[in-house]
């Protein structure tokens, strides 16, 4: 999910094999437990690259195949960690906001 070219390639393969995608479950999420300063900048980049960029990559890669019926606002589902912040889940909660 962190590699847009890989996600776009998957979207092309899926569309070529089964046709346009009409339902997309666009969900990716990872987290590390611990206080904010227990983790380094590389941890932040890794988590953000999947939790935030991964969802954006899925939208851009699969979105065009939706044609006249693009994903609607509020159609994204978020897990509880994006709704109820916990000090040990700060990176996750930051990158997974609720809809």
N, C-alpha and C. Protein backbone atom coordinates (compact mmCIF):
# COMPACT_ATOMS: atom_id res chain seq x y z
N UNK A 1 0.81 -1.19 0.00
CA UNK A 1 0.00 0.00 0.00
C UNK A 1 0.86 1.26 0.00
N UNK A 2 2.06 1.16 0.50
CA UNK A 2 2.94 2.32 0.57
C UNK A 2 3.55 2.68 -0.80
N UNK A 3 3.55 1.73 -1.72
CA UNK A 3 4.15 1.91 -3.04
C UNK A 3 3.04 2.16 -4.07
N UNK A 4 2.84 3.42 -4.46
CA UNK A 4 1.74 3.74 -5.37
C UNK A 4 1.84 2.97 -6.68
N UNK A 5 3.03 2.85 -7.24
CA UNK A 5 3.17 2.15 -8.52
C UNK A 5 2.70 0.70 -8.41
N UNK A 6 2.99 0.06 -7.29
CA UNK A 6 2.54 -1.32 -7.08
C UNK A 6 1.01 -1.39 -6.96
N UNK A 7 0.42 -0.45 -6.24
CA UNK A 7 -1.04 -0.42 -6.09
C UNK A 7 -1.70 -0.13 -7.44
N UNK A 8 -1.16 0.81 -8.20
CA UNK A 8 -1.70 1.13 -9.52
C UNK A 8 -1.57 -0.07 -10.46
N UNK A 9 -0.46 -0.79 -10.36
CA UNK A 9 -0.29 -2.00 -11.16
C UNK A 9 -1.32 -3.07 -10.81
N UNK A 10 -1.60 -3.22 -9.52
CA UNK A 10 -2.62 -4.16 -9.08
C UNK A 10 -3.99 -3.75 -9.62
N UNK A 11 -4.29 -2.47 -9.56
CA UNK A 11 -5.58 -1.98 -10.08
C UNK A 11 -5.72 -2.31 -11.56
N UNK A 12 -4.66 -2.12 -12.32
CA UNK A 12 -4.68 -2.42 -13.76
C UNK A 12 -4.90 -3.91 -14.00
N UNK A 13 -4.21 -4.74 -13.22
CA UNK A 13 -4.36 -6.19 -13.35
C UNK A 13 -5.78 -6.63 -13.03
N UNK A 14 -6.33 -6.10 -11.95
CA UNK A 14 -7.69 -6.47 -11.55
C UNK A 14 -8.70 -6.06 -12.63
N UNK A 15 -8.58 -4.83 -13.10
CA UNK A 15 -9.51 -4.35 -14.13
C UNK A 15 -9.40 -5.17 -15.41
N UNK A 16 -8.17 -5.55 -15.79
CA UNK A 16 -7.98 -6.35 -17.00
C UNK A 16 -8.57 -7.75 -16.83
N UNK A 17 -8.49 -8.29 -15.64
CA UNK A 17 -8.96 -9.67 -15.41
C UNK A 17 -10.46 -9.76 -15.14
N UNK A 18 -11.02 -8.83 -14.35
CA UNK A 18 -12.42 -8.96 -13.95
C UNK A 18 -13.29 -7.76 -14.34
N UNK A 19 -12.69 -6.72 -14.91
CA UNK A 19 -13.45 -5.54 -15.28
C UNK A 19 -13.39 -4.47 -14.21
N UNK A 20 -14.15 -3.39 -14.41
CA UNK A 20 -14.12 -2.27 -13.46
C UNK A 20 -14.52 -2.70 -12.05
N UNK A 21 -13.90 -2.10 -11.08
CA UNK A 21 -14.20 -2.38 -9.67
C UNK A 21 -15.42 -1.57 -9.28
N UNK A 22 -16.43 -2.25 -8.75
CA UNK A 22 -17.63 -1.54 -8.31
C UNK A 22 -17.68 -1.38 -6.80
N UNK A 23 -16.98 -2.25 -6.07
CA UNK A 23 -16.90 -2.14 -4.61
C UNK A 23 -15.43 -2.31 -4.23
N UNK A 24 -14.93 -1.36 -3.48
CA UNK A 24 -13.53 -1.41 -3.05
C UNK A 24 -13.45 -1.30 -1.54
N UNK A 25 -12.88 -2.30 -0.92
CA UNK A 25 -12.59 -2.23 0.52
C UNK A 25 -11.16 -1.72 0.61
N UNK A 26 -11.04 -0.44 0.85
CA UNK A 26 -9.75 0.25 0.83
C UNK A 26 -9.29 0.46 2.27
N UNK A 27 -8.70 -0.56 2.86
CA UNK A 27 -8.34 -0.50 4.26
C UNK A 27 -6.94 -1.05 4.46
N UNK A 28 -6.11 -0.27 5.07
CA UNK A 28 -4.76 -0.70 5.43
C UNK A 28 -4.41 -0.02 6.74
N UNK A 29 -3.82 -0.73 7.64
CA UNK A 29 -3.46 -0.09 8.91
C UNK A 29 -2.45 -0.90 9.70
N UNK A 30 -1.46 -0.22 10.20
CA UNK A 30 -0.45 -0.82 11.07
C UNK A 30 -0.23 0.13 12.25
N UNK A 31 0.28 -0.38 13.34
CA UNK A 31 0.60 0.49 14.46
C UNK A 31 1.66 -0.13 15.34
N UNK A 32 2.28 0.70 16.14
CA UNK A 32 3.26 0.27 17.14
C UNK A 32 2.83 0.85 18.47
N UNK A 33 2.87 0.04 19.50
CA UNK A 33 2.50 0.51 20.83
C UNK A 33 3.68 1.22 21.48
N UNK A 34 3.39 2.20 22.28
CA UNK A 34 4.42 2.89 23.03
C UNK A 34 4.23 4.39 23.01
N UNK A 35 4.92 5.06 23.88
CA UNK A 35 4.88 6.52 23.92
C UNK A 35 5.50 7.10 22.65
N UNK A 36 5.09 8.30 22.32
CA UNK A 36 5.52 8.95 21.09
C UNK A 36 7.03 8.92 20.91
N UNK A 37 7.77 9.33 21.92
CA UNK A 37 9.22 9.43 21.79
C UNK A 37 9.94 8.09 21.90
N UNK A 38 9.17 7.00 22.11
CA UNK A 38 9.77 5.67 22.10
C UNK A 38 10.08 5.22 20.68
N UNK A 39 9.53 5.92 19.70
CA UNK A 39 9.69 5.55 18.30
C UNK A 39 10.42 6.66 17.56
N UNK A 40 11.06 6.29 16.48
CA UNK A 40 11.83 7.26 15.70
C UNK A 40 11.07 7.77 14.49
N UNK A 41 11.71 8.65 13.77
CA UNK A 41 11.11 9.25 12.58
C UNK A 41 10.86 8.20 11.50
N UNK A 42 11.69 7.18 11.41
CA UNK A 42 11.46 6.12 10.42
C UNK A 42 10.19 5.33 10.74
N UNK A 43 9.90 5.14 12.04
CA UNK A 43 8.64 4.49 12.42
C UNK A 43 7.45 5.33 11.96
N UNK A 44 7.52 6.65 12.19
CA UNK A 44 6.45 7.55 11.77
C UNK A 44 6.26 7.48 10.26
N UNK A 45 7.34 7.50 9.51
CA UNK A 45 7.23 7.45 8.04
C UNK A 45 6.60 6.14 7.57
N UNK A 46 6.99 5.03 8.19
CA UNK A 46 6.46 3.73 7.81
C UNK A 46 4.95 3.66 8.09
N UNK A 47 4.56 4.07 9.29
CA UNK A 47 3.15 4.02 9.66
C UNK A 47 2.33 4.95 8.76
N UNK A 48 2.79 6.16 8.55
CA UNK A 48 2.09 7.11 7.69
C UNK A 48 1.99 6.60 6.25
N UNK A 49 3.06 5.96 5.77
CA UNK A 49 3.07 5.48 4.39
C UNK A 49 2.00 4.43 4.13
N UNK A 50 1.61 3.72 5.16
CA UNK A 50 0.57 2.70 5.00
C UNK A 50 -0.80 3.24 5.41
N UNK A 51 -0.90 3.79 6.61
CA UNK A 51 -2.20 4.20 7.15
C UNK A 51 -2.82 5.37 6.41
N UNK A 52 -2.03 6.30 5.98
CA UNK A 52 -2.56 7.49 5.30
C UNK A 52 -2.34 7.40 3.80
N UNK A 53 -1.08 7.29 3.39
CA UNK A 53 -0.78 7.25 1.96
C UNK A 53 -1.38 6.01 1.30
N UNK A 54 -1.42 4.89 2.01
CA UNK A 54 -1.97 3.66 1.44
C UNK A 54 -3.41 3.80 1.02
N UNK A 55 -4.21 4.46 1.85
CA UNK A 55 -5.61 4.68 1.51
C UNK A 55 -5.73 5.64 0.33
N UNK A 56 -4.92 6.69 0.32
CA UNK A 56 -4.92 7.63 -0.80
C UNK A 56 -4.51 6.92 -2.08
N UNK A 57 -3.48 6.08 -2.01
CA UNK A 57 -3.04 5.33 -3.18
C UNK A 57 -4.16 4.45 -3.72
N UNK A 58 -4.88 3.79 -2.82
CA UNK A 58 -6.01 2.96 -3.26
C UNK A 58 -7.08 3.77 -3.95
N UNK A 59 -7.38 4.94 -3.42
CA UNK A 59 -8.40 5.81 -4.04
C UNK A 59 -7.99 6.24 -5.45
N UNK A 60 -6.74 6.68 -5.60
CA UNK A 60 -6.29 7.14 -6.92
C UNK A 60 -6.13 5.98 -7.90
N UNK A 61 -5.65 4.84 -7.44
CA UNK A 61 -5.41 3.71 -8.34
C UNK A 61 -6.71 3.06 -8.80
N UNK A 62 -7.66 2.88 -7.88
CA UNK A 62 -8.90 2.19 -8.23
C UNK A 62 -10.03 3.14 -8.58
N UNK A 63 -9.93 4.41 -8.20
CA UNK A 63 -11.00 5.37 -8.43
C UNK A 63 -11.46 5.51 -9.86
N UNK A 64 -10.54 5.62 -10.83
CA UNK A 64 -10.97 5.79 -12.22
C UNK A 64 -11.85 4.65 -12.73
N UNK A 65 -11.69 3.43 -12.23
CA UNK A 65 -12.51 2.32 -12.72
C UNK A 65 -13.94 2.39 -12.21
N UNK A 66 -14.20 3.29 -11.27
CA UNK A 66 -15.57 3.47 -10.78
C UNK A 66 -16.42 4.24 -11.79
N UNK A 67 -15.78 4.89 -12.76
CA UNK A 67 -16.51 5.60 -13.80
C UNK A 67 -17.44 6.65 -13.23
N UNK A 68 -18.73 6.51 -13.50
CA UNK A 68 -19.72 7.50 -13.07
C UNK A 68 -20.12 7.34 -11.60
N UNK A 69 -19.62 6.32 -10.95
CA UNK A 69 -20.00 6.11 -9.55
C UNK A 69 -18.75 6.07 -8.67
N UNK A 70 -18.11 7.23 -8.48
CA UNK A 70 -16.91 7.27 -7.63
C UNK A 70 -17.28 7.00 -6.17
N UNK A 71 -16.29 6.67 -5.34
CA UNK A 71 -16.57 6.47 -3.92
C UNK A 71 -17.23 7.71 -3.34
N UNK A 72 -18.21 7.54 -2.51
CA UNK A 72 -18.95 8.66 -1.93
C UNK A 72 -18.33 9.08 -0.61
N UNK A 73 -18.45 10.36 -0.26
CA UNK A 73 -17.95 10.81 1.04
C UNK A 73 -18.57 10.00 2.17
N UNK A 74 -17.76 9.67 3.14
CA UNK A 74 -18.26 8.89 4.27
C UNK A 74 -18.24 7.40 4.01
N UNK A 75 -17.78 7.00 2.83
CA UNK A 75 -17.75 5.58 2.49
C UNK A 75 -16.55 4.86 3.07
N UNK A 76 -15.64 5.57 3.64
CA UNK A 76 -14.46 4.95 4.23
C UNK A 76 -14.78 4.55 5.67
N UNK A 77 -14.38 3.38 6.05
CA UNK A 77 -14.58 2.89 7.40
C UNK A 77 -13.28 3.04 8.18
N UNK A 78 -13.36 3.48 9.39
CA UNK A 78 -12.17 3.62 10.23
C UNK A 78 -12.33 2.75 11.47
N UNK A 79 -11.25 2.25 11.94
CA UNK A 79 -11.27 1.43 13.14
C UNK A 79 -11.25 2.30 14.38
N UNK A 80 -11.56 1.72 15.50
CA UNK A 80 -11.70 2.44 16.76
C UNK A 80 -10.45 3.24 17.14
N UNK A 81 -9.28 2.80 16.77
CA UNK A 81 -8.06 3.51 17.13
C UNK A 81 -7.99 4.91 16.57
N UNK A 82 -8.71 5.18 15.48
CA UNK A 82 -8.75 6.51 14.92
C UNK A 82 -9.79 7.40 15.60
N UNK A 83 -10.65 6.80 16.40
CA UNK A 83 -11.72 7.53 17.07
C UNK A 83 -11.35 7.85 18.52
N UNK A 84 -10.83 6.87 19.22
CA UNK A 84 -10.47 7.03 20.62
C UNK A 84 -8.95 6.96 20.76
N UNK A 85 -8.34 8.10 20.91
CA UNK A 85 -6.88 8.14 21.01
C UNK A 85 -6.41 7.55 22.33
N UNK A 86 -5.27 6.93 22.29
CA UNK A 86 -4.62 6.37 23.48
C UNK A 86 -3.16 6.75 23.38
N UNK A 87 -2.55 7.13 24.47
CA UNK A 87 -1.17 7.61 24.41
C UNK A 87 -0.20 6.58 23.84
N UNK A 88 -0.52 5.31 23.94
CA UNK A 88 0.37 4.29 23.39
C UNK A 88 0.09 4.02 21.91
N UNK A 89 -0.93 4.66 21.36
CA UNK A 89 -1.28 4.46 19.96
C UNK A 89 -1.27 5.79 19.21
N UNK A 90 -0.40 6.71 19.60
CA UNK A 90 -0.44 8.06 19.04
C UNK A 90 -0.15 8.13 17.55
N UNK A 91 0.79 7.35 17.03
CA UNK A 91 1.06 7.38 15.59
C UNK A 91 -0.16 6.87 14.83
N UNK A 92 -0.71 5.76 15.30
CA UNK A 92 -1.86 5.15 14.63
C UNK A 92 -3.05 6.11 14.64
N UNK A 93 -3.36 6.66 15.79
CA UNK A 93 -4.52 7.54 15.91
C UNK A 93 -4.35 8.81 15.06
N UNK A 94 -3.14 9.28 14.90
CA UNK A 94 -2.88 10.45 14.08
C UNK A 94 -3.14 10.18 12.61
N UNK A 95 -2.78 8.99 12.15
CA UNK A 95 -2.91 8.68 10.73
C UNK A 95 -4.23 8.02 10.37
N UNK A 96 -5.07 7.71 11.33
CA UNK A 96 -6.35 7.05 11.07
C UNK A 96 -7.50 7.85 11.64
N UNK A 97 -7.74 9.06 11.13
CA UNK A 97 -8.83 9.87 11.68
C UNK A 97 -10.19 9.26 11.36
N UNK A 98 -11.19 9.53 12.20
CA UNK A 98 -12.52 9.02 11.92
C UNK A 98 -13.16 9.77 10.76
N UNK A 99 -14.11 9.16 10.10
CA UNK A 99 -14.84 9.84 9.02
C UNK A 99 -15.85 10.77 9.61
